[in-house]
Amino acid sequence: FPRHITRNAVTIMKRFCRDNPVERLGYQKEGILDIKKHKWFQDTSGSNLTTNFQNKNLGFDWSGLLERSLKPPIIPTVRSPSDTTNFDQFPRDSSVPMDETTGWDRDF
């Protein structure tokens, strides 16, 4: 992971991405509460963008999330429905994929 990503952010990503689903965060005995109690959501340093979403219990305003009352940390400027200036530019992919000839769909 890049150095600017906090240790708490790395641990939560790793716990969500375990190979065995039974070992993933949120799948154990406490379920969603395990996710809510994770240190990343407790972090009030601002490094995980929760500084404005604090409450007294968990650091992250879960009720605000449920009520859709959280103020977003970033509000992009959008000039029109077709405005793509907030996205990176990539060269057009001109490669042509090979024909799929294994016959896996023969019985459809």
N, C-alpha and C. Protein backbone atom coordinates (compact mmCIF):
# COMPACT_ATOMS: atom_id res chain seq x y z
N PHE A 1 0.84 -1.19 0.00
CA PHE A 1 0.00 0.00 0.00
C PHE A 1 0.88 1.25 0.00
N PRO A 2 0.41 2.33 -0.60
CA PRO A 2 1.18 3.58 -0.57
C PRO A 2 1.33 4.08 0.87
N ARG A 3 2.39 4.81 1.13
CA ARG A 3 2.68 5.27 2.50
C ARG A 3 1.64 6.23 3.05
N HIS A 4 0.91 6.95 2.18
CA HIS A 4 -0.06 7.92 2.68
C HIS A 4 -1.35 7.27 3.19
N ILE A 5 -1.51 5.97 2.98
CA ILE A 5 -2.69 5.26 3.48
C ILE A 5 -2.41 4.83 4.92
N THR A 6 -3.32 5.17 5.83
CA THR A 6 -3.11 4.90 7.24
C THR A 6 -3.13 3.40 7.54
N ARG A 7 -2.54 3.03 8.64
CA ARG A 7 -2.51 1.63 9.08
C ARG A 7 -3.94 1.11 9.27
N ASN A 8 -4.82 1.94 9.86
CA ASN A 8 -6.21 1.52 10.06
C ASN A 8 -6.92 1.28 8.73
N ALA A 9 -6.63 2.10 7.73
CA ALA A 9 -7.23 1.90 6.41
C ALA A 9 -6.75 0.60 5.78
N VAL A 10 -5.47 0.31 5.92
CA VAL A 10 -4.91 -0.93 5.38
C VAL A 10 -5.54 -2.13 6.06
N THR A 11 -5.67 -2.09 7.37
CA THR A 11 -6.22 -3.26 8.08
C THR A 11 -7.67 -3.51 7.71
N ILE A 12 -8.46 -2.45 7.57
CA ILE A 12 -9.87 -2.68 7.22
C ILE A 12 -9.99 -3.24 5.80
N MET A 13 -9.17 -2.74 4.88
CA MET A 13 -9.21 -3.28 3.51
C MET A 13 -8.80 -4.75 3.49
N LYS A 14 -7.75 -5.08 4.24
CA LYS A 14 -7.29 -6.47 4.28
C LYS A 14 -8.34 -7.38 4.91
N ARG A 15 -9.03 -6.88 5.93
CA ARG A 15 -10.05 -7.70 6.60
C ARG A 15 -11.29 -7.90 5.72
N PHE A 16 -11.61 -6.92 4.87
CA PHE A 16 -12.73 -7.07 3.94
C PHE A 16 -12.37 -8.02 2.79
N CYS A 17 -11.09 -8.13 2.46
CA CYS A 17 -10.66 -8.87 1.26
C CYS A 17 -10.02 -10.22 1.56
N ARG A 18 -10.30 -10.81 2.67
CA ARG A 18 -9.76 -12.14 2.98
C ARG A 18 -10.25 -13.16 1.95
N ASP A 19 -9.39 -14.11 1.62
CA ASP A 19 -9.76 -15.16 0.65
C ASP A 19 -10.96 -15.96 1.13
N ASN A 20 -10.95 -16.34 2.39
CA ASN A 20 -12.03 -17.13 2.96
C ASN A 20 -13.13 -16.19 3.44
N PRO A 21 -14.32 -16.24 2.85
CA PRO A 21 -15.40 -15.33 3.24
C PRO A 21 -15.73 -15.36 4.73
N VAL A 22 -15.58 -16.52 5.36
CA VAL A 22 -15.88 -16.66 6.79
C VAL A 22 -14.96 -15.79 7.64
N GLU A 23 -13.78 -15.49 7.13
CA GLU A 23 -12.80 -14.69 7.87
C GLU A 23 -12.95 -13.19 7.63
N ARG A 24 -13.84 -12.78 6.74
CA ARG A 24 -13.97 -11.37 6.38
C ARG A 24 -14.68 -10.57 7.46
N LEU A 25 -14.29 -9.31 7.55
CA LEU A 25 -14.92 -8.40 8.51
C LEU A 25 -16.40 -8.28 8.20
N GLY A 26 -17.21 -8.44 9.22
CA GLY A 26 -18.66 -8.37 9.07
C GLY A 26 -19.32 -9.73 8.99
N TYR A 27 -18.53 -10.77 8.84
CA TYR A 27 -19.07 -12.13 8.71
C TYR A 27 -19.03 -12.89 10.04
N GLN A 28 -18.27 -12.36 11.00
CA GLN A 28 -18.12 -13.07 12.27
C GLN A 28 -19.36 -12.87 13.16
N LYS A 29 -19.24 -13.29 14.40
CA LYS A 29 -20.35 -13.30 15.36
C LYS A 29 -21.04 -11.95 15.50
N GLU A 30 -20.29 -10.86 15.57
CA GLU A 30 -20.86 -9.54 15.80
C GLU A 30 -21.40 -8.89 14.52
N GLY A 31 -21.12 -9.48 13.36
CA GLY A 31 -21.65 -9.00 12.09
C GLY A 31 -21.28 -7.56 11.79
N ILE A 32 -22.28 -6.76 11.45
CA ILE A 32 -22.07 -5.36 11.05
C ILE A 32 -21.44 -4.55 12.19
N LEU A 33 -21.69 -4.95 13.43
CA LEU A 33 -21.11 -4.23 14.56
C LEU A 33 -19.59 -4.32 14.54
N ASP A 34 -19.03 -5.44 14.06
CA ASP A 34 -17.57 -5.55 13.91
C ASP A 34 -17.05 -4.48 12.96
N ILE A 35 -17.80 -4.21 11.90
CA ILE A 35 -17.40 -3.16 10.95
C ILE A 35 -17.50 -1.80 11.63
N LYS A 36 -18.60 -1.53 12.28
CA LYS A 36 -18.80 -0.23 12.94
C LYS A 36 -17.76 0.04 14.03
N LYS A 37 -17.30 -1.01 14.70
CA LYS A 37 -16.33 -0.84 15.78
C LYS A 37 -14.88 -0.80 15.30
N HIS A 38 -14.64 -1.02 14.00
CA HIS A 38 -13.27 -1.05 13.51
C HIS A 38 -12.59 0.29 13.74
N LYS A 39 -11.29 0.25 14.02
CA LYS A 39 -10.52 1.46 14.34
C LYS A 39 -10.57 2.51 13.24
N TRP A 40 -10.74 2.11 11.97
CA TRP A 40 -10.79 3.10 10.89
C TRP A 40 -11.95 4.06 11.08
N PHE A 41 -13.08 3.56 11.55
CA PHE A 41 -14.24 4.41 11.78
C PHE A 41 -14.12 5.20 13.07
N GLN A 42 -13.22 4.81 13.96
CA GLN A 42 -12.99 5.52 15.22
C GLN A 42 -12.01 6.67 15.05
N ASP A 43 -11.20 6.60 13.96
CA ASP A 43 -10.14 7.58 13.71
C ASP A 43 -10.74 8.96 13.50
N THR A 44 -10.36 9.91 14.35
CA THR A 44 -10.87 11.28 14.21
C THR A 44 -9.77 12.24 13.79
N SER A 45 -8.68 11.70 13.23
CA SER A 45 -7.56 12.55 12.82
C SER A 45 -7.84 13.27 11.51
N GLY A 46 -8.88 12.82 10.79
CA GLY A 46 -9.19 13.41 9.50
C GLY A 46 -8.61 12.63 8.34
N SER A 47 -7.71 11.68 8.63
CA SER A 47 -7.06 10.96 7.55
C SER A 47 -8.02 10.03 6.81
N ASN A 48 -9.17 9.71 7.41
CA ASN A 48 -10.12 8.88 6.70
C ASN A 48 -11.41 9.64 6.40
N LEU A 49 -11.32 10.98 6.42
CA LEU A 49 -12.42 11.86 6.05
C LEU A 49 -13.63 11.74 6.96
N THR A 50 -13.44 11.37 8.24
CA THR A 50 -14.58 11.28 9.15
C THR A 50 -14.61 12.44 10.13
N THR A 51 -13.72 13.40 10.03
CA THR A 51 -13.66 14.47 11.00
C THR A 51 -15.00 15.17 11.17
N ASN A 52 -15.70 15.42 10.09
CA ASN A 52 -16.98 16.12 10.16
C ASN A 52 -18.14 15.20 10.50
N PHE A 53 -17.89 13.91 10.63
CA PHE A 53 -18.98 12.96 10.84
C PHE A 53 -18.88 12.27 12.19
N GLN A 54 -18.48 12.99 13.19
CA GLN A 54 -18.25 12.37 14.49
C GLN A 54 -19.52 12.36 15.34
N ASN A 55 -19.66 11.34 16.17
CA ASN A 55 -20.61 11.36 17.26
C ASN A 55 -19.91 10.84 18.50
N LYS A 56 -20.59 10.77 19.62
CA LYS A 56 -19.93 10.42 20.88
C LYS A 56 -19.59 8.94 20.99
N ASN A 57 -20.29 8.07 20.23
CA ASN A 57 -20.11 6.65 20.42
C ASN A 57 -19.04 6.02 19.54
N LEU A 58 -19.10 6.21 18.24
CA LEU A 58 -18.25 5.45 17.34
C LEU A 58 -17.34 6.27 16.46
N GLY A 59 -17.31 7.58 16.55
CA GLY A 59 -16.44 8.37 15.71
C GLY A 59 -17.03 8.68 14.35
N PHE A 60 -17.86 7.80 13.81
CA PHE A 60 -18.51 8.00 12.53
C PHE A 60 -20.01 8.12 12.79
N ASP A 61 -20.65 9.05 12.13
CA ASP A 61 -22.08 9.30 12.34
C ASP A 61 -22.91 8.31 11.53
N TRP A 62 -23.11 7.11 12.07
CA TRP A 62 -23.86 6.08 11.37
C TRP A 62 -25.32 6.47 11.18
N SER A 63 -25.91 7.16 12.15
CA SER A 63 -27.31 7.58 11.97
C SER A 63 -27.41 8.64 10.87
N GLY A 64 -26.40 9.50 10.76
CA GLY A 64 -26.38 10.48 9.66
C GLY A 64 -26.28 9.80 8.31
N LEU A 65 -25.54 8.70 8.26
CA LEU A 65 -25.43 7.93 7.02
C LEU A 65 -26.80 7.34 6.67
N LEU A 66 -27.46 6.76 7.66
CA LEU A 66 -28.77 6.16 7.45
C LEU A 66 -29.80 7.21 7.02
N GLU A 67 -29.73 8.39 7.62
CA GLU A 67 -30.68 9.48 7.31
C GLU A 67 -30.28 10.28 6.07
N ARG A 68 -29.12 9.95 5.51
CA ARG A 68 -28.58 10.66 4.33
C ARG A 68 -28.40 12.15 4.58
N SER A 69 -27.94 12.47 5.80
CA SER A 69 -27.74 13.86 6.17
C SER A 69 -26.26 14.25 6.28
N LEU A 70 -25.35 13.34 5.94
CA LEU A 70 -23.92 13.64 6.01
C LEU A 70 -23.53 14.62 4.91
N LYS A 71 -22.66 15.54 5.25
CA LYS A 71 -22.13 16.47 4.27
C LYS A 71 -20.94 15.79 3.59
N PRO A 72 -20.94 15.68 2.26
CA PRO A 72 -19.82 15.01 1.58
C PRO A 72 -18.53 15.78 1.73
N PRO A 73 -17.39 15.08 1.85
CA PRO A 73 -16.11 15.76 2.01
C PRO A 73 -15.66 16.44 0.72
N ILE A 74 -16.14 15.97 -0.42
CA ILE A 74 -15.78 16.55 -1.72
C ILE A 74 -17.04 16.69 -2.55
N ILE A 75 -17.27 17.88 -3.08
CA ILE A 75 -18.40 18.11 -3.98
C ILE A 75 -17.81 18.56 -5.32
N PRO A 76 -17.80 17.68 -6.31
CA PRO A 76 -17.20 18.04 -7.59
C PRO A 76 -18.04 19.05 -8.36
N THR A 77 -17.37 19.84 -9.18
CA THR A 77 -18.07 20.77 -10.06
C THR A 77 -18.45 20.01 -11.33
N VAL A 78 -19.73 20.05 -11.68
CA VAL A 78 -20.22 19.37 -12.87
C VAL A 78 -20.93 20.42 -13.71
N ARG A 79 -20.44 20.63 -14.92
CA ARG A 79 -20.97 21.69 -15.79
C ARG A 79 -22.17 21.26 -16.62
N SER A 80 -22.26 19.97 -16.91
CA SER A 80 -23.37 19.47 -17.73
C SER A 80 -23.49 17.97 -17.52
N PRO A 81 -24.58 17.36 -17.98
CA PRO A 81 -24.72 15.89 -17.83
C PRO A 81 -23.61 15.11 -18.52
N SER A 82 -22.97 15.68 -19.52
CA SER A 82 -21.91 14.96 -20.23
C SER A 82 -20.50 15.41 -19.82
N ASP A 83 -20.40 16.21 -18.75
CA ASP A 83 -19.11 16.70 -18.26
C ASP A 83 -18.29 15.55 -17.68
N THR A 84 -17.11 15.32 -18.22
CA THR A 84 -16.23 14.25 -17.73
C THR A 84 -14.91 14.80 -17.19
N THR A 85 -14.86 16.09 -16.88
CA THR A 85 -13.61 16.70 -16.43
C THR A 85 -13.13 16.19 -15.07
N ASN A 86 -13.99 15.54 -14.32
CA ASN A 86 -13.59 15.00 -13.02
C ASN A 86 -12.98 13.60 -13.13
N PHE A 87 -12.83 13.10 -14.34
CA PHE A 87 -12.27 11.77 -14.57
C PHE A 87 -10.96 11.88 -15.33
N ASP A 88 -10.06 10.93 -15.09
CA ASP A 88 -8.79 10.88 -15.80
C ASP A 88 -9.03 10.53 -17.27
N GLN A 89 -8.15 11.03 -18.13
CA GLN A 89 -8.20 10.71 -19.55
C GLN A 89 -7.32 9.50 -19.84
N PHE A 90 -7.81 8.58 -20.64
CA PHE A 90 -7.05 7.41 -21.04
C PHE A 90 -7.13 7.27 -22.55
N PRO A 91 -6.08 6.73 -23.18
CA PRO A 91 -6.15 6.54 -24.64
C PRO A 91 -7.21 5.49 -24.99
N ARG A 92 -7.82 5.67 -26.14
CA ARG A 92 -8.84 4.73 -26.60
C ARG A 92 -8.20 3.36 -26.83
N ASP A 93 -8.86 2.31 -26.38
CA ASP A 93 -8.36 0.95 -26.56
C ASP A 93 -8.75 0.49 -27.96
N SER A 94 -7.77 0.26 -28.80
CA SER A 94 -8.06 -0.12 -30.18
C SER A 94 -7.84 -1.62 -30.43
N SER A 95 -7.46 -2.34 -29.41
CA SER A 95 -7.23 -3.77 -29.60
C SER A 95 -8.56 -4.51 -29.79
N VAL A 96 -8.53 -5.54 -30.59
CA VAL A 96 -9.72 -6.34 -30.86
C VAL A 96 -9.57 -7.67 -30.13
N PRO A 97 -10.55 -8.02 -29.28
CA PRO A 97 -10.42 -9.28 -28.55
C PRO A 97 -10.51 -10.48 -29.49
N MET A 98 -9.84 -11.55 -29.12
CA MET A 98 -9.88 -12.78 -29.92
C MET A 98 -11.28 -13.39 -29.84
N ASP A 99 -11.67 -14.11 -30.88
CA ASP A 99 -12.94 -14.83 -30.86
C ASP A 99 -12.89 -15.93 -29.80
N GLU A 100 -14.00 -16.10 -29.11
CA GLU A 100 -14.11 -17.12 -28.08
C GLU A 100 -14.67 -18.36 -28.75
N THR A 101 -13.91 -19.43 -28.77
CA THR A 101 -14.31 -20.62 -29.52
C THR A 101 -14.31 -21.90 -28.68
N THR A 102 -14.42 -21.78 -27.36
CA THR A 102 -14.38 -22.99 -26.53
C THR A 102 -15.68 -23.78 -26.60
N GLY A 103 -16.79 -23.12 -27.01
CA GLY A 103 -18.06 -23.81 -27.10
C GLY A 103 -18.82 -23.91 -25.79
N TRP A 104 -18.42 -23.15 -24.79
CA TRP A 104 -19.07 -23.23 -23.48
C TRP A 104 -20.56 -22.89 -23.57
N ASP A 105 -20.98 -22.15 -24.58
CA ASP A 105 -22.37 -21.72 -24.69
C ASP A 105 -23.16 -22.53 -25.74
N ARG A 106 -22.63 -23.61 -26.18
CA ARG A 106 -23.25 -24.42 -27.23
C ARG A 106 -24.66 -24.87 -26.86
N ASP A 107 -24.93 -25.21 -25.62
CA ASP A 107 -26.24 -25.74 -25.20
C ASP A 107 -27.23 -24.69 -24.74
N PHE A 108 -26.91 -23.44 -24.91
CA PHE A 108 -27.85 -22.39 -24.49
C PHE A 108 -29.00 -22.31 -25.44
